Amino acid sequence: MLEALLFDSMSKVAAQCAGAMDNRTDLEAFLMAEMQKAKYCKYLWVLDKTGRQLTDSATRSGFKAGQIGRDRVARPYLQRALKGDDYYLSEAFISRNRKRPSLTAMKAIVDAKGETQGFLGADFDLNELPHSTEEYRDDQKWLQVKGDPAIRSGVFLTQRIASAMDSQIDDVLSLVEELILVHGVFHAKLHFSSSRATFWLVDNPFAYQILNFAELSNPDICLAYRHQEYFEKAIVEPEKIQQIFQQFKLLRFADETVYLRAASLNVVNGMVGLNFSCDGSHYMPYEEFLDKNMGFWFGG
């Protein structure tokens, strides 16, 4: 969409420049005239056919001086132009000077014979460009992430130490299930090793809450949360939550060396997160998680 949006104006200015490649004054006049009406462009500039800058860079408020003779041949966005591409929009990159996510459009400047005389370049700040795609969404599929190599290399020298949460894990899991089903928690992360939990609530999704073990082991904590129906956007069936939590428990106690350190459930996107003692992490849809047995995780 952005390529199509920019093509006409880039082609128009490139055609104007074709007859003035030996006249910097005229080139900069064309650039400034375009910048006065440009809606998105940050910088506009002209290169010769070797990739050296013939003009200063035009901005909406004037010219950025000191750009004449700048060699852009090593910049990734110029490589395709030098190989013969007439027009294209680069991939996004972090700008060298301002450290901003940016794009560069390149248009070849050709004479009446069709021979390339140079290139018209235009820089854009991603923050100023129109929204060009649908909202980003994670793929709902299993993702495995390896953690800190230092932890992984010493995993067989460690052993699980029973935490306070371990001693009352059934009661804690039941309480968290209750908070999800009737008190508005839609994302819960259980830190088994450190005996705490992190909750995100439907009523206040932009700020998480941390509960310590004393709070998690006291059913009175439910009185601190408003009673409400199970979230209508939740895709996890209510009866599956207990099954998911029982899987967490099994993974916590199944092995004394490789064990579940923390786990999360988001009932809106249906994703389960797992972090093991080896610092490996897994993210997967809850249905797939429930399909995996202990043999899958530990072999045999």
Protein backbone atom coordinates (compact mmCIF):
# COMPACT_ATOMS: atom_id res chain seq x y z
CA MET A 1 0.00 0.00 0.00
CA LEU A 2 2.83 2.37 0.86
CA GLU A 3 4.66 1.58 -2.37
CA ALA A 4 1.55 2.46 -4.37
CA LEU A 5 0.90 5.56 -2.27
CA LEU A 6 4.37 6.98 -2.92
CA PHE A 7 4.91 5.89 -6.52
CA ASP A 8 3.21 8.76 -8.37
CA SER A 9 4.92 11.58 -6.49
CA MET A 10 8.32 9.86 -6.61
CA SER A 11 7.97 9.30 -10.36
CA LYS A 12 6.95 12.92 -10.94
CA VAL A 13 9.92 14.39 -9.07
CA ALA A 14 12.33 11.89 -10.65
CA ALA A 15 11.13 12.98 -14.12
CA GLN A 16 11.77 16.63 -13.23
CA CYS A 17 15.25 15.81 -11.99
CA ALA A 18 16.15 13.88 -15.15
CA GLY A 19 16.78 17.08 -17.09
CA ALA A 20 18.76 18.83 -14.37
CA MET A 21 21.28 16.33 -13.06
CA ASP A 22 24.11 18.78 -13.67
CA ASN A 23 22.33 21.70 -11.98
CA ARG A 24 22.21 21.46 -8.19
CA THR A 25 20.14 24.66 -7.85
CA ASP A 26 17.36 23.30 -10.04
CA LEU A 27 17.45 19.90 -8.35
CA GLU A 28 17.08 21.42 -4.91
CA ALA A 29 14.27 23.67 -6.16
CA PHE A 30 12.36 20.58 -7.34
CA LEU A 31 12.96 18.84 -4.01
CA MET A 32 11.84 21.81 -1.93
CA ALA A 33 8.71 22.34 -4.01
CA GLU A 34 7.77 18.71 -3.39
CA MET A 35 8.57 18.90 0.33
CA GLN A 36 6.22 21.87 0.74
CA LYS A 37 3.30 19.64 -0.15
CA ALA A 38 4.65 16.26 0.99
CA LYS A 39 2.45 14.72 3.64
CA TYR A 40 4.72 12.00 5.00
CA CYS A 41 8.27 12.54 3.74
CA LYS A 42 11.08 13.37 6.21
CA TYR A 43 13.97 13.91 3.78
CA LEU A 44 14.24 14.08 0.00
CA TRP A 45 17.56 13.91 -1.84
CA VAL A 46 19.24 13.09 -5.17
CA LEU A 47 22.21 10.80 -5.81
CA ASP A 48 24.36 10.35 -8.87
CA LYS A 49 24.50 6.94 -10.49
CA THR A 50 27.42 5.87 -8.26
CA GLY A 51 25.51 6.56 -5.05
CA ARG A 52 27.01 9.92 -4.08
CA GLN A 53 24.69 12.71 -3.00
CA LEU A 54 24.28 15.62 -5.43
CA THR A 55 22.02 17.75 -3.23
CA ASP A 56 21.58 18.58 0.40
CA SER A 57 18.67 16.75 2.00
CA ALA A 58 15.41 18.69 1.72
CA THR A 59 13.12 18.87 4.77
CA ARG A 60 9.81 20.68 5.28
CA SER A 61 11.64 23.59 6.93
CA GLY A 62 14.66 23.87 4.63
CA PHE A 63 17.79 21.94 3.73
CA LYS A 64 19.96 19.81 5.97
CA ALA A 65 23.40 21.14 5.09
CA GLY A 66 26.60 19.17 4.73
CA GLN A 67 25.12 16.32 2.71
CA ILE A 68 26.74 17.08 -0.64
CA GLY A 69 29.08 14.28 -1.65
CA ARG A 70 27.79 11.89 0.99
CA ASP A 71 28.46 8.32 -0.12
CA ARG A 72 25.36 6.15 0.38
CA VAL A 73 26.57 3.19 -1.67
CA ALA A 74 26.96 0.98 1.41
CA ARG A 75 23.44 1.61 2.64
CA PRO A 76 21.16 -1.46 2.18
CA TYR A 77 18.37 0.55 0.54
CA LEU A 78 20.70 1.55 -2.32
CA GLN A 79 21.87 -1.93 -3.25
CA ARG A 80 18.76 -2.86 -5.22
CA ALA A 81 18.80 0.47 -7.05
CA LEU A 82 22.40 -0.09 -8.11
CA LYS A 83 21.40 -3.56 -9.36
CA GLY A 84 18.75 -2.09 -11.65
CA ASP A 85 15.48 -1.85 -9.71
CA ASP A 86 13.56 1.16 -11.02
CA TYR A 87 11.53 1.79 -7.87
CA TYR A 88 11.08 0.12 -4.52
CA LEU A 89 10.43 0.72 -0.85
CA SER A 90 13.03 -0.61 1.57
CA GLU A 91 12.42 -2.80 4.57
CA ALA A 92 12.13 -0.90 7.83
CA PHE A 93 15.43 -0.08 9.54
CA ILE A 94 16.78 2.00 12.45
CA SER A 95 18.11 5.29 11.11
CA ARG A 96 21.81 5.95 11.64
CA ASN A 97 21.55 9.45 13.12
CA ARG A 98 18.17 9.74 14.85
CA LYS A 99 17.88 6.02 15.78
CA ARG A 100 14.27 5.98 14.59
CA PRO A 101 12.38 3.16 12.80
CA SER A 102 12.45 4.35 9.19
CA LEU A 103 11.85 3.46 5.54
CA THR A 104 13.54 4.71 2.38
CA ALA A 105 11.94 4.83 -1.06
CA MET A 106 14.23 4.81 -4.10
CA LYS A 107 13.32 5.85 -7.66
CA ALA A 108 15.73 5.67 -10.56
CA ILE A 109 16.20 8.93 -12.51
CA VAL A 110 16.38 8.03 -16.19
CA ASP A 111 16.93 10.18 -19.27
CA ALA A 112 14.97 10.15 -22.53
CA LYS A 113 16.99 7.15 -23.71
CA GLY A 114 16.06 5.16 -20.63
CA GLU A 115 19.56 5.29 -19.16
CA THR A 116 19.94 5.72 -15.41
CA GLN A 117 21.40 9.09 -14.46
CA GLY A 118 20.99 8.82 -10.71
CA PHE A 119 18.49 8.14 -7.97
CA LEU A 120 15.84 10.02 -6.05
CA GLY A 121 15.71 9.03 -2.40
CA ALA A 122 13.01 9.74 0.18
CA ASP A 123 13.21 8.95 3.90
CA PHE A 124 10.14 8.31 6.05
CA ASP A 125 9.68 8.01 9.80
CA LEU A 126 7.43 5.02 10.52
CA ASN A 127 5.66 7.06 13.17
CA GLU A 128 4.42 9.51 10.52
CA LEU A 129 3.29 6.98 7.91
CA PRO A 130 -0.37 5.93 7.63
CA HIS A 131 -1.42 2.66 9.24
CA SER A 132 -0.71 0.11 6.53
CA THR A 133 -1.60 -3.29 7.91
CA GLU A 134 -4.02 -5.09 10.15
CA GLU A 135 -3.36 -5.16 13.88
CA TYR A 136 -0.49 -7.46 14.76
CA ARG A 137 -1.54 -10.77 16.26
CA ASP A 138 0.60 -13.58 17.60
CA ASP A 139 0.40 -16.91 15.82
CA GLN A 140 -1.50 -19.30 18.06
CA LYS A 141 1.03 -22.09 17.84
CA TRP A 142 3.60 -23.81 20.02
CA LEU A 143 6.74 -21.74 20.54
CA GLN A 144 9.81 -23.03 22.35
CA VAL A 145 12.45 -20.57 23.60
CA LYS A 146 15.85 -21.54 24.99
CA GLY A 147 16.94 -19.54 28.01
CA ASP A 148 20.23 -18.54 29.63
CA PRO A 149 23.03 -20.95 28.53
CA ALA A 150 24.68 -20.55 31.94
CA ILE A 151 21.58 -21.93 33.66
CA ARG A 152 21.13 -24.71 31.11
CA SER A 153 24.72 -25.89 31.49
CA GLY A 154 24.35 -26.33 35.24
CA VAL A 155 20.84 -27.73 35.39
CA PHE A 156 21.92 -31.24 36.47
CA LEU A 157 23.79 -29.78 39.43
CA THR A 158 20.58 -28.37 40.89
CA GLN A 159 17.59 -29.90 42.61
CA ARG A 160 14.11 -28.60 43.28
CA ILE A 161 13.66 -27.12 46.76
CA ALA A 162 10.11 -27.30 48.07
CA SER A 163 8.54 -23.85 48.19
CA ALA A 164 5.75 -22.58 50.40
CA MET A 165 3.39 -22.77 47.43
CA ASP A 166 4.34 -26.41 46.89
CA SER A 167 3.10 -27.27 50.38
CA GLN A 168 -0.40 -25.92 49.64
CA ILE A 169 -0.48 -26.19 45.87
CA ASP A 170 -4.00 -27.69 45.64
CA ASP A 171 -5.53 -24.89 47.70
CA VAL A 172 -3.63 -22.20 45.79
CA LEU A 173 -4.66 -23.58 42.39
CA SER A 174 -8.29 -23.79 43.50
CA LEU A 175 -8.22 -20.19 44.68
CA VAL A 176 -6.68 -18.96 41.42
CA GLU A 177 -9.30 -20.89 39.46
CA GLU A 178 -11.97 -19.13 41.51
CA LEU A 179 -10.42 -15.72 40.77
CA ILE A 180 -10.49 -16.49 37.04
CA LEU A 181 -14.02 -17.87 36.93
CA VAL A 182 -15.87 -15.37 39.12
CA HIS A 183 -13.58 -12.45 39.95
CA GLY A 184 -12.35 -11.08 36.60
CA VAL A 185 -8.80 -12.43 36.33
CA PHE A 186 -8.12 -13.21 32.66
CA HIS A 187 -4.36 -13.77 32.80
CA ALA A 188 -2.66 -15.50 35.72
CA LYS A 189 1.02 -16.33 36.10
CA LEU A 190 2.00 -18.66 38.93
CA HIS A 191 5.57 -18.49 40.21
CA PHE A 192 5.87 -21.81 41.99
CA SER A 193 9.49 -21.47 43.05
CA SER A 194 9.05 -18.01 44.59
CA SER A 195 5.48 -18.62 45.87
CA ARG A 196 3.77 -15.66 44.29
CA ALA A 197 1.37 -14.93 41.43
CA THR A 198 0.85 -12.13 38.96
CA PHE A 199 -2.70 -11.29 37.81
CA TRP A 200 -4.22 -9.15 35.07
CA LEU A 201 -7.88 -8.23 35.60
CA VAL A 202 -10.64 -7.44 33.14
CA ASP A 203 -11.47 -4.26 35.08
CA ASN A 204 -7.89 -2.98 34.97
CA PRO A 205 -5.93 -4.75 32.22
CA PHE A 206 -3.13 -2.18 32.00
CA ALA A 207 -1.75 -2.79 35.51
CA TYR A 208 -0.87 -6.20 36.88
CA GLN A 209 -1.19 -7.20 40.54
CA ILE A 210 1.29 -9.28 42.51
CA LEU A 211 0.04 -11.54 45.29
CA ASN A 212 2.41 -13.14 47.80
CA PHE A 213 1.99 -16.55 49.34
CA ALA A 214 0.18 -15.24 52.42
CA GLU A 215 -2.47 -13.74 50.16
CA LEU A 216 -2.64 -16.75 47.85
CA SER A 217 -3.15 -19.13 50.76
CA ASN A 218 -5.96 -17.08 52.29
CA PRO A 219 -9.43 -17.52 50.69
CA ASP A 220 -10.41 -14.13 52.12
CA ILE A 221 -8.45 -12.59 49.24
CA CYS A 222 -11.47 -13.26 47.01
CA LEU A 223 -13.33 -10.54 48.95
CA ALA A 224 -10.88 -8.00 47.54
CA TYR A 225 -12.10 -8.61 43.98
CA ARG A 226 -15.48 -7.71 42.55
CA HIS A 227 -17.73 -10.64 41.70
CA GLN A 228 -18.36 -10.89 37.95
CA GLU A 229 -19.30 -13.45 35.35
CA TYR A 230 -16.60 -15.39 33.51
CA PHE A 231 -15.20 -13.02 30.89
CA GLU A 232 -17.25 -13.13 27.69
CA LYS A 233 -14.12 -12.89 25.52
CA ALA A 234 -12.57 -15.97 27.12
CA ILE A 235 -12.04 -18.90 24.75
CA VAL A 236 -10.96 -21.43 27.40
CA GLU A 237 -13.89 -23.53 28.54
CA PRO A 238 -14.38 -23.07 32.31
CA GLU A 239 -14.14 -26.80 32.99
CA LYS A 240 -10.71 -26.92 31.29
CA ILE A 241 -9.06 -24.53 33.74
CA GLN A 242 -8.83 -27.14 36.51
CA GLN A 243 -7.35 -29.64 34.04
CA ILE A 244 -4.73 -27.11 32.96
CA PHE A 245 -3.80 -26.38 36.57
CA GLN A 246 -3.49 -30.08 37.35
CA GLN A 247 -1.04 -30.37 34.46
CA PHE A 248 0.93 -27.52 36.03
CA LYS A 249 1.04 -29.48 39.29
CA LEU A 250 2.26 -32.64 37.57
CA LEU A 251 5.02 -30.75 35.77
CA ARG A 252 6.05 -29.12 39.05
CA PHE A 253 6.56 -32.43 40.84
CA ALA A 254 7.35 -34.89 38.04
CA ASP A 255 11.14 -34.54 38.28
CA GLU A 256 13.46 -33.16 40.95
CA THR A 257 15.97 -31.76 38.43
CA VAL A 258 13.91 -30.56 35.47
CA TYR A 259 10.75 -29.08 36.92
CA LEU A 260 8.22 -26.34 36.28
CA ARG A 261 9.35 -23.06 37.78
CA ALA A 262 6.51 -20.81 36.60
CA ALA A 263 3.40 -21.17 34.44
CA SER A 264 0.73 -18.88 33.05
CA LEU A 265 -2.73 -19.10 31.53
CA ASN A 266 -4.48 -16.44 29.47
CA VAL A 267 -8.13 -17.36 29.00
CA VAL A 268 -8.67 -14.74 26.27
CA ASN A 269 -6.04 -15.88 23.78
CA GLY A 270 -6.02 -19.43 25.17
CA MET A 271 -2.25 -19.56 25.54
CA VAL A 272 -0.33 -21.44 28.22
CA GLY A 273 3.19 -20.35 29.16
CA LEU A 274 5.71 -22.62 30.88
CA ASN A 275 9.16 -21.89 32.30
CA PHE A 276 11.31 -24.79 33.47
CA SER A 277 14.32 -25.07 35.76
CA CYS A 278 16.59 -25.35 32.72
CA ASP A 279 15.35 -21.85 31.79
CA GLY A 280 13.59 -23.21 28.73
CA SER A 281 10.20 -21.66 27.97
CA HIS A 282 7.21 -22.92 26.02
CA TYR A 283 4.10 -21.12 24.77
CA MET A 284 1.25 -23.12 23.29
CA PRO A 285 -2.55 -23.19 22.87
CA TYR A 286 -4.20 -24.73 25.90
CA GLU A 287 -5.75 -27.57 23.84
CA GLU A 288 -2.31 -28.65 22.68
CA PHE A 289 -0.99 -28.38 26.23
CA LEU A 290 -3.72 -30.69 27.52
CA ASP A 291 -2.91 -33.20 24.78
CA LYS A 292 0.69 -33.57 26.01
CA ASN A 293 1.35 -36.22 28.65
CA MET A 294 4.35 -36.55 30.96
CA GLY A 295 6.06 -38.79 28.45
CA PHE A 296 6.15 -35.91 26.01
CA TRP A 297 7.89 -33.60 28.49
CA PHE A 298 10.27 -36.06 30.13
CA GLY A 299 10.53 -38.94 27.66
CA GLY A 300 9.44 -42.54 28.07
